[in-house]
Each structure stands twice: as structure tokens, then as C-alpha cells.
């Protein structure tokens, strides 16, 4: 089987897009999670333009096709910073070659995120809020939303997910169960009953600073749309804020988060019920991150996450009230 260092093999894919590749750069400059694909590389064509070539498992081909179509729909709605995969000559965002599935996406350059110093950058909070305002405003009431509602595949209940993850931890990781269960318990009074009654909108689904390509003073791209779809309206905000806090819990009250919340609140696009349950959504979404650390057996991040979840649970009553 050819790997992604064989330029002649990849050109058999690229020619279906009207491209001729001349050089491969590997994946060092590519942002976003490498786990989203089987293989990936950056490729340069004869015009000097750069692209990301990714290979996906056949079992994921239908989902990747749907995600690519969603990104094209967002671009057609003029949602900024969305760079969908290219369509080939057949109009598909995926190309099959010898039973393997490939996607080609324009490469969007960006600068390195200064960690952890970025958590005090108010302008980043404003930029991220402006992106969500555009995403929510331009998709509201569209055929895209109606199709998602008819389809039903994209709706994800984080409340049900928390319950499932707790059961799996009891079975597979009993050594941490006593630290996880009290965090889950703090969600029972408010969150579990109201979660599915928060209005749903089209969300990115994994919105945080590392899924943004940053320029010197703004956003140039938003990537990793793997979990996009209908979600409770405060979902993206909760995930973004939660990811800021694990860098530094004190940053939850810092300039980036404060400006983000001011801007997003002023838009009026998030429901009263959503805002009332922001703290609970932040806590609930950390279970998804804990599950990822457990899946990768990342002991350092597991411990960091458990400490952070306890901080959130202990401060639930006053967090963003």
C-alpha cells in the first residue's frame, strides 16, 4: 500500500481536482488533531499553492462527505473563516482510489498560539465571539438547519454522554471513579433535566482556541468540524471557556473570557436557559475531554483534568452566575 510520501500516487488523486503536485512537505505545519485522519501531508502544486491531503478510513467516508458538504453550505452562507475541502470533477469532496478515500483542503497559514500567555488576550475572545455570532446568525432558519433537524444524526446529548462515561469509568477505571462521581452528581439537580430543553442551533461542536488558525490580529480559519451539528445553544461557548480554564483556572475570570462573554451576550443569540446553565455545560463537557485522555492513556492529562473538574464542581454555584 502506498503511503503519503509517494507523490506520483497522490497525483492520481490530485488530478481529479485539476491539480498537479510537485512537492510534499509532511505534516509538521498542519494544525488540528492528527487523529481525525489515517494519514495526512501537506502538498504543494506547480503554482506554489499548498494543500492538505488526508486519507480517511472507508467506514468514515459517508460522514466525511456529509461534513464536507456542511462546510460548503457554511461558505455559501458567507460564514467567515470556513475553508471547505475541494470538490473533485465529480462534485464530491472525497476521492476513492483503490479502495482508499482522500480529501484535499486548501492550506491556511497561521501563527503559533503563545501558550499560556494567550489567555489574557481580550482580542482573541472578541474574535471568537464574532465568529460564533456569524455562524449562529447566518445559519438560523436556513435549509441547512431544517435538514439537520430532519436528519437527526448530528444531535448529541452531552447529558446522556456523561452518564455513559461514568458507567464506563466504573467498569474500566475504578481507581478514579470516586473522584469522578461527585462531579457528575453536581449536575443532577439542574443540568440533567434541562439539557434537552435548551434551544438547539448549528454549532461547531469542538470550538476552542486550538481549532482556530490565528493571524497576527484575528482569525484566519476555523478547523476540525468533526462534531458540527445541532447542539444546545451554549454548547460552543461552554467548550471554549472550559478549555481556557484548564490552561489556568484563574483565566475563567480573565480578559479573554470576559470579552468573549460580553460580546456573545450582547448578540442575543443564546437563550436565557442556555446562559443559566453555562457552568453545568462547562462541567459536563469536561467529561468528553477526560474520556479522550483515558482513551490515549495520558496519565498527566487525566490527573490534570480530574483536579480541574473538582475545581469547577466546587465552584459551580458561583461560576458565571
Protein backbone atom coordinates (compact mmCIF):
# COMPACT_ATOMS: atom_id res chain seq x y z
CA UNK A 1 0.00 0.00 0.00
CA UNK A 2 1.32 3.42 -0.98
CA UNK A 3 1.90 5.90 1.83
CA UNK A 4 1.56 9.67 1.60
CA UNK A 5 5.19 10.19 0.63
CA UNK A 6 4.63 8.87 -2.90
CA UNK A 7 3.95 11.98 -4.97
CA UNK A 8 3.09 10.05 -8.12
CA UNK A 9 0.43 8.09 -6.26
CA UNK A 10 -1.02 11.28 -4.74
CA UNK A 11 -1.07 12.93 -8.15
CA UNK A 12 -3.51 10.25 -9.26
CA UNK A 13 -5.81 11.71 -6.62
CA UNK A 14 -4.90 15.36 -7.21
CA UNK A 15 -5.54 15.28 -10.96
CA UNK A 16 -9.18 14.63 -10.21
CA UNK A 17 -9.21 18.15 -8.76
CA UNK A 18 -7.29 19.68 -11.64
CA UNK A 19 -4.11 19.83 -9.55
CA UNK A 20 -0.58 18.70 -10.30
CA UNK A 21 1.58 18.24 -7.19
CA UNK A 22 5.31 18.87 -7.29
CA UNK A 23 6.41 18.69 -3.66
CA UNK A 24 5.34 17.15 -0.35
CA UNK A 25 6.04 18.84 3.00
CA UNK A 26 4.90 16.25 5.55
CA UNK A 27 2.53 17.21 8.37
CA UNK A 28 4.62 19.39 10.67
CA UNK A 29 2.93 22.64 9.64
CA UNK A 30 -0.61 21.25 9.77
CA UNK A 31 -2.77 22.40 12.68
CA UNK A 32 -5.64 20.37 14.12
CA UNK A 33 -5.76 16.88 15.52
CA UNK A 34 -3.89 14.21 13.52
CA UNK A 35 -6.36 11.67 14.91
CA UNK A 36 -9.07 12.95 12.56
CA UNK A 37 -7.46 11.06 9.64
CA UNK A 38 -5.49 7.89 8.90
CA UNK A 39 -2.70 9.84 7.18
CA UNK A 40 -2.12 13.40 6.16
CA UNK A 41 0.51 15.51 4.45
CA UNK A 42 0.95 19.00 3.08
CA UNK A 43 1.41 19.16 -0.69
CA UNK A 44 2.43 21.99 -3.00
CA UNK A 45 1.22 22.21 -6.56
CA UNK A 46 3.04 23.57 -9.62
CA UNK A 47 1.61 27.05 -8.95
CA UNK A 48 3.16 27.08 -5.47
CA UNK A 49 -0.19 26.72 -3.70
CA UNK A 50 -0.31 24.48 -0.63
CA UNK A 51 -2.96 21.91 0.24
CA UNK A 52 -3.60 19.36 2.96
CA UNK A 53 -4.12 15.83 1.63
CA UNK A 54 -5.82 13.47 4.07
CA UNK A 55 -6.77 9.83 3.94
CA UNK A 56 -9.83 8.53 5.81
CA UNK A 57 -10.99 5.06 6.74
CA UNK A 58 -13.62 3.69 4.34
CA UNK A 59 -16.07 3.33 7.24
CA UNK A 60 -15.90 7.10 7.77
CA UNK A 61 -16.33 8.09 4.13
CA UNK A 62 -20.05 8.88 4.32
CA UNK A 63 -19.60 11.01 7.43
CA UNK A 64 -16.65 12.88 5.91
CA UNK A 65 -18.69 13.54 2.78
CA UNK A 66 -21.52 14.98 4.90
CA UNK A 67 -19.11 17.14 6.94
CA UNK A 68 -17.55 18.48 3.75
CA UNK A 69 -20.97 19.35 2.38
CA UNK A 70 -21.78 21.16 5.64
CA UNK A 71 -18.65 23.27 5.29
CA UNK A 72 -19.55 24.17 1.71
CA UNK A 73 -23.04 25.16 2.89
CA UNK A 74 -21.49 27.40 5.55
CA UNK A 75 -19.23 29.02 2.99
CA UNK A 76 -22.23 29.60 0.70
CA UNK A 77 -23.93 31.35 3.63
CA UNK A 78 -20.86 33.62 3.93
CA UNK A 79 -19.84 32.33 7.36
CA UNK A 80 -16.26 33.64 7.65
CA UNK A 81 -13.08 31.61 8.14
CA UNK A 82 -14.55 28.38 6.76
CA UNK A 83 -12.27 26.63 4.25
CA UNK A 84 -14.08 23.56 2.94
CA UNK A 85 -12.38 20.65 1.19
CA UNK A 86 -12.16 20.92 -2.57
CA UNK A 87 -14.72 19.28 -4.82
CA UNK A 88 -13.35 16.93 -7.43
CA UNK A 89 -14.56 16.80 -11.03
CA UNK A 90 -17.48 14.63 -9.96
CA UNK A 91 -18.56 17.23 -7.41
CA UNK A 92 -17.57 15.10 -4.42
CA UNK A 93 -15.32 16.22 -1.55
CA UNK A 94 -13.87 12.70 -1.34
CA UNK A 95 -11.97 10.78 -3.98
CA UNK A 96 -11.71 7.00 -3.91
CA UNK A 97 -8.57 5.35 -5.26
CA UNK A 98 -8.06 1.60 -4.93
CA UNK A 99 -10.48 1.40 -2.02
CA UNK A 100 -8.86 4.32 -0.17
CA UNK A 101 -10.58 7.66 0.43
CA UNK A 102 -8.84 11.02 0.13
CA UNK A 103 -9.72 14.66 0.72
CA UNK A 104 -7.84 17.78 -0.34
CA UNK A 105 -8.24 21.07 1.54
CA UNK A 106 -6.55 24.43 0.96
CA UNK A 107 -3.79 25.04 3.49
CA UNK A 108 -4.39 28.15 5.60
CA UNK A 109 -1.20 29.51 7.20
CA UNK A 110 -1.25 30.91 10.71
CA UNK A 111 0.95 31.84 13.62
CA UNK A 112 1.76 29.77 16.69
CA UNK A 113 -0.52 30.37 19.67
CA UNK A 114 1.53 31.72 22.60
CA UNK A 115 0.69 29.33 25.44
CA UNK A 116 -0.33 30.05 28.13
CA UNK A 117 0.02 33.80 27.64
CA UNK A 118 -2.87 33.94 25.16
CA UNK A 119 -5.44 33.55 27.97
CA UNK A 120 -5.20 37.29 28.74
CA UNK A 121 -5.75 38.39 25.11
CA UNK A 122 -9.14 40.10 25.09
CA UNK A 123 -8.98 40.49 21.31
CA UNK A 124 -8.97 36.71 20.90
CA UNK A 125 -12.13 36.46 22.99
CA UNK A 126 -13.79 39.13 20.86
CA UNK A 127 -12.73 37.44 17.63
CA UNK A 128 -14.07 34.06 18.75
CA UNK A 129 -17.37 35.59 19.82
CA UNK A 130 -17.69 37.36 16.47
CA UNK A 131 -17.18 34.06 14.67
CA UNK A 132 -19.91 32.33 16.68
CA UNK A 133 -22.26 35.27 16.17
CA UNK A 134 -21.78 34.96 12.43
CA UNK A 135 -22.14 31.17 12.46
CA UNK A 136 -25.35 31.23 14.51
CA UNK A 137 -26.88 34.24 12.81
CA UNK A 138 -26.25 33.10 9.24
CA UNK A 139 -27.42 29.52 9.76
CA UNK A 140 -30.56 30.36 11.73
CA UNK A 141 -33.74 29.41 9.89
CA UNK A 142 -31.92 28.07 6.84
CA UNK A 143 -32.44 24.88 4.85
CA UNK A 144 -29.25 23.65 6.46
CA UNK A 145 -30.88 23.72 9.91
CA UNK A 146 -34.07 22.13 8.60
CA UNK A 147 -32.07 19.33 7.01
CA UNK A 148 -30.18 18.73 10.27
CA UNK A 149 -33.49 18.58 12.13
CA UNK A 150 -34.94 16.09 9.63
CA UNK A 151 -31.78 14.03 9.62
CA UNK A 152 -31.39 13.82 13.39
CA UNK A 153 -27.95 12.20 13.13
CA UNK A 154 -25.99 15.18 14.33
CA UNK A 155 -27.76 15.76 17.65
CA UNK A 156 -25.57 14.81 20.56
CA UNK A 157 -26.74 14.76 24.18
CA UNK A 158 -23.85 15.59 26.50
CA UNK A 159 -26.10 14.72 29.45
CA UNK A 160 -26.53 11.14 28.22
CA UNK A 161 -22.83 11.05 27.40
CA UNK A 162 -21.85 11.97 30.97
CA UNK A 163 -23.95 9.12 32.31
CA UNK A 164 -22.40 6.66 29.85
CA UNK A 165 -18.83 7.77 30.59
CA UNK A 166 -19.42 7.39 34.34
CA UNK A 167 -20.58 3.82 33.82
CA UNK A 168 -17.53 3.08 31.67
CA UNK A 169 -15.20 4.58 34.28
CA UNK A 170 -16.83 2.46 36.99
CA UNK A 171 -16.09 -0.61 34.88
CA UNK A 172 -12.73 0.19 33.30
CA UNK A 173 -11.10 2.77 35.56
CA UNK A 174 -12.44 2.13 39.08
CA UNK A 175 -9.34 3.75 40.58
CA UNK A 176 -10.68 7.20 39.58
CA UNK A 177 -14.39 6.52 39.96
CA UNK A 178 -14.55 8.04 43.45
CA UNK A 179 -13.17 11.31 42.04
CA UNK A 180 -15.46 11.40 39.02
CA UNK A 181 -18.80 10.50 40.59
CA UNK A 182 -19.04 13.63 42.83
CA UNK A 183 -18.55 15.81 39.75
CA UNK A 184 -21.34 14.01 37.93
CA UNK A 185 -23.56 14.34 41.00
CA UNK A 186 -23.27 18.12 40.93
CA UNK A 187 -25.04 18.07 37.54
CA UNK A 188 -28.08 16.14 38.68
CA UNK A 189 -30.10 18.93 40.31
CA UNK A 190 -30.13 21.37 37.38
CA UNK A 191 -28.48 20.05 34.29
CA UNK A 192 -29.83 16.59 33.54
CA UNK A 193 -33.46 17.73 33.48
CA UNK A 194 -32.99 20.92 31.44
CA UNK A 195 -30.22 19.93 29.00
CA UNK A 196 -32.51 18.74 26.23
CA UNK A 197 -34.83 21.73 26.64
CA UNK A 198 -32.15 24.30 25.77
CA UNK A 199 -32.82 25.57 22.21
CA UNK A 200 -30.65 23.89 19.58
CA UNK A 201 -28.65 25.72 16.95
CA UNK A 202 -25.98 24.72 14.44
CA UNK A 203 -22.71 24.56 16.40
CA UNK A 204 -19.10 23.91 15.53
CA UNK A 205 -19.12 21.20 18.18
CA UNK A 206 -15.45 21.37 19.18
CA UNK A 207 -14.87 25.08 19.42
CA UNK A 208 -11.71 26.15 21.26
CA UNK A 209 -8.59 28.20 20.62
CA UNK A 210 -6.58 25.27 19.22
CA UNK A 211 -9.17 24.74 16.49
CA UNK A 212 -8.67 28.28 15.31
CA UNK A 213 -5.95 29.34 12.88
CA UNK A 214 -4.68 32.66 14.17
CA UNK A 215 -3.28 35.61 12.29
CA UNK A 216 -1.45 38.46 13.98
CA UNK A 217 -4.66 40.28 14.94
CA UNK A 218 -7.55 37.98 14.12
CA UNK A 219 -8.83 34.63 12.92
CA UNK A 220 -7.87 33.29 9.50
CA UNK A 221 -9.51 29.87 9.74
CA UNK A 222 -11.67 27.62 11.91
CA UNK A 223 -10.89 23.91 11.56
CA UNK A 224 -11.89 20.44 12.79
CA UNK A 225 -15.62 20.43 12.06
CA UNK A 226 -15.83 16.74 13.00
CA UNK A 227 -18.55 17.28 15.62
CA UNK A 228 -20.59 20.03 13.98
CA UNK A 229 -24.36 19.84 14.06
CA UNK A 230 -27.34 20.71 16.23
CA UNK A 231 -26.36 21.35 19.85
CA UNK A 232 -27.79 23.32 22.78
CA UNK A 233 -27.11 26.98 22.04
CA UNK A 234 -24.50 27.48 24.79
CA UNK A 235 -22.52 24.38 23.81
CA UNK A 236 -19.69 26.04 21.84
CA UNK A 237 -19.26 28.79 24.42
CA UNK A 238 -19.05 26.26 27.24
CA UNK A 239 -16.45 24.16 25.46
CA UNK A 240 -14.32 27.19 24.58
CA UNK A 241 -14.41 28.59 28.11
CA UNK A 242 -13.69 25.21 29.67
CA UNK A 243 -10.59 24.83 27.52
CA UNK A 244 -9.35 28.26 28.61
CA UNK A 245 -9.75 27.31 32.25
CA UNK A 246 -7.69 24.15 32.05
CA UNK A 247 -4.77 26.29 30.88
CA UNK A 248 -5.23 28.43 34.01
CA UNK A 249 -8.36 28.31 36.20
CA UNK A 250 -7.83 31.99 37.06
CA UNK A 251 -8.31 32.78 33.35
CA UNK A 252 -12.02 31.94 33.70
CA UNK A 253 -12.39 35.47 35.02
CA UNK A 254 -9.72 36.95 32.77
CA UNK A 255 -9.83 39.33 29.79
CA UNK A 256 -10.30 36.72 27.05
CA UNK A 257 -13.29 35.00 28.65
CA UNK A 258 -14.79 38.27 29.89
CA UNK A 259 -14.70 39.92 26.46
CA UNK A 260 -15.97 36.75 24.79
CA UNK A 261 -18.98 36.59 27.11
CA UNK A 262 -19.73 40.31 26.80
CA UNK A 263 -19.78 40.14 23.02
CA UNK A 264 -21.77 36.92 22.78
CA UNK A 265 -24.29 38.01 25.42
CA UNK A 266 -24.91 41.30 23.62
CA UNK A 267 -25.76 39.42 20.42
CA UNK A 268 -28.90 37.95 21.99
CA UNK A 269 -28.32 34.66 20.16
CA UNK A 270 -28.03 32.49 23.28
CA UNK A 271 -31.19 31.70 25.22
CA UNK A 272 -31.79 32.62 28.85
CA UNK A 273 -31.95 28.92 29.70
CA UNK A 274 -28.62 28.36 27.96
CA UNK A 275 -26.86 31.10 29.93
CA UNK A 276 -28.42 29.89 33.19
CA UNK A 277 -26.78 26.51 32.65
CA UNK A 278 -23.41 27.67 31.31
CA UNK A 279 -21.47 26.40 34.34
CA UNK A 280 -23.14 22.99 34.10
CA UNK A 281 -22.38 22.72 30.38
CA UNK A 282 -18.73 23.57 31.07
CA UNK A 283 -18.53 20.82 33.69
CA UNK A 284 -20.37 18.29 31.52
CA UNK A 285 -18.13 18.87 28.52
CA UNK A 286 -15.03 18.16 30.58
CA UNK A 287 -16.22 14.55 30.71
CA UNK A 288 -15.62 14.34 26.96
CA UNK A 289 -12.08 15.60 27.45
CA UNK A 290 -11.49 13.17 30.31
CA UNK A 291 -12.68 10.35 28.05
CA UNK A 292 -10.12 11.39 25.43
CA UNK A 293 -7.27 11.39 27.95
CA UNK A 294 -8.39 7.96 29.16
CA UNK A 295 -8.58 6.65 25.61
CA UNK A 296 -5.00 7.78 25.00
CA UNK A 297 -3.84 6.69 28.48
CA UNK A 298 -2.39 10.16 29.03
CA UNK A 299 -1.78 9.93 32.76
CA UNK A 300 -0.61 13.51 33.16
CA UNK A 301 -3.70 14.94 31.46
CA UNK A 302 -6.01 12.56 33.33
CA UNK A 303 -4.73 13.88 36.66
CA UNK A 304 -4.86 17.49 35.48
CA UNK A 305 -8.43 17.02 34.25
CA UNK A 306 -9.58 15.42 37.50
CA UNK A 307 -8.17 18.32 39.52
CA UNK A 308 -9.77 20.85 37.16
CA UNK A 309 -13.16 19.10 37.23
CA UNK A 310 -13.16 19.23 41.01
CA UNK A 311 -12.37 22.97 40.93
CA UNK A 312 -15.31 23.52 38.56
CA UNK A 313 -17.66 21.38 40.65
CA UNK A 314 -16.62 23.08 43.91
CA UNK A 315 -17.31 26.50 42.39
CA UNK A 316 -20.42 25.57 40.42
CA UNK A 317 -22.76 27.73 42.47
CA UNK A 318 -20.88 30.95 41.72
CA UNK A 319 -19.34 30.18 38.33
CA UNK A 320 -20.74 32.67 35.78
CA UNK A 321 -23.91 33.31 37.81
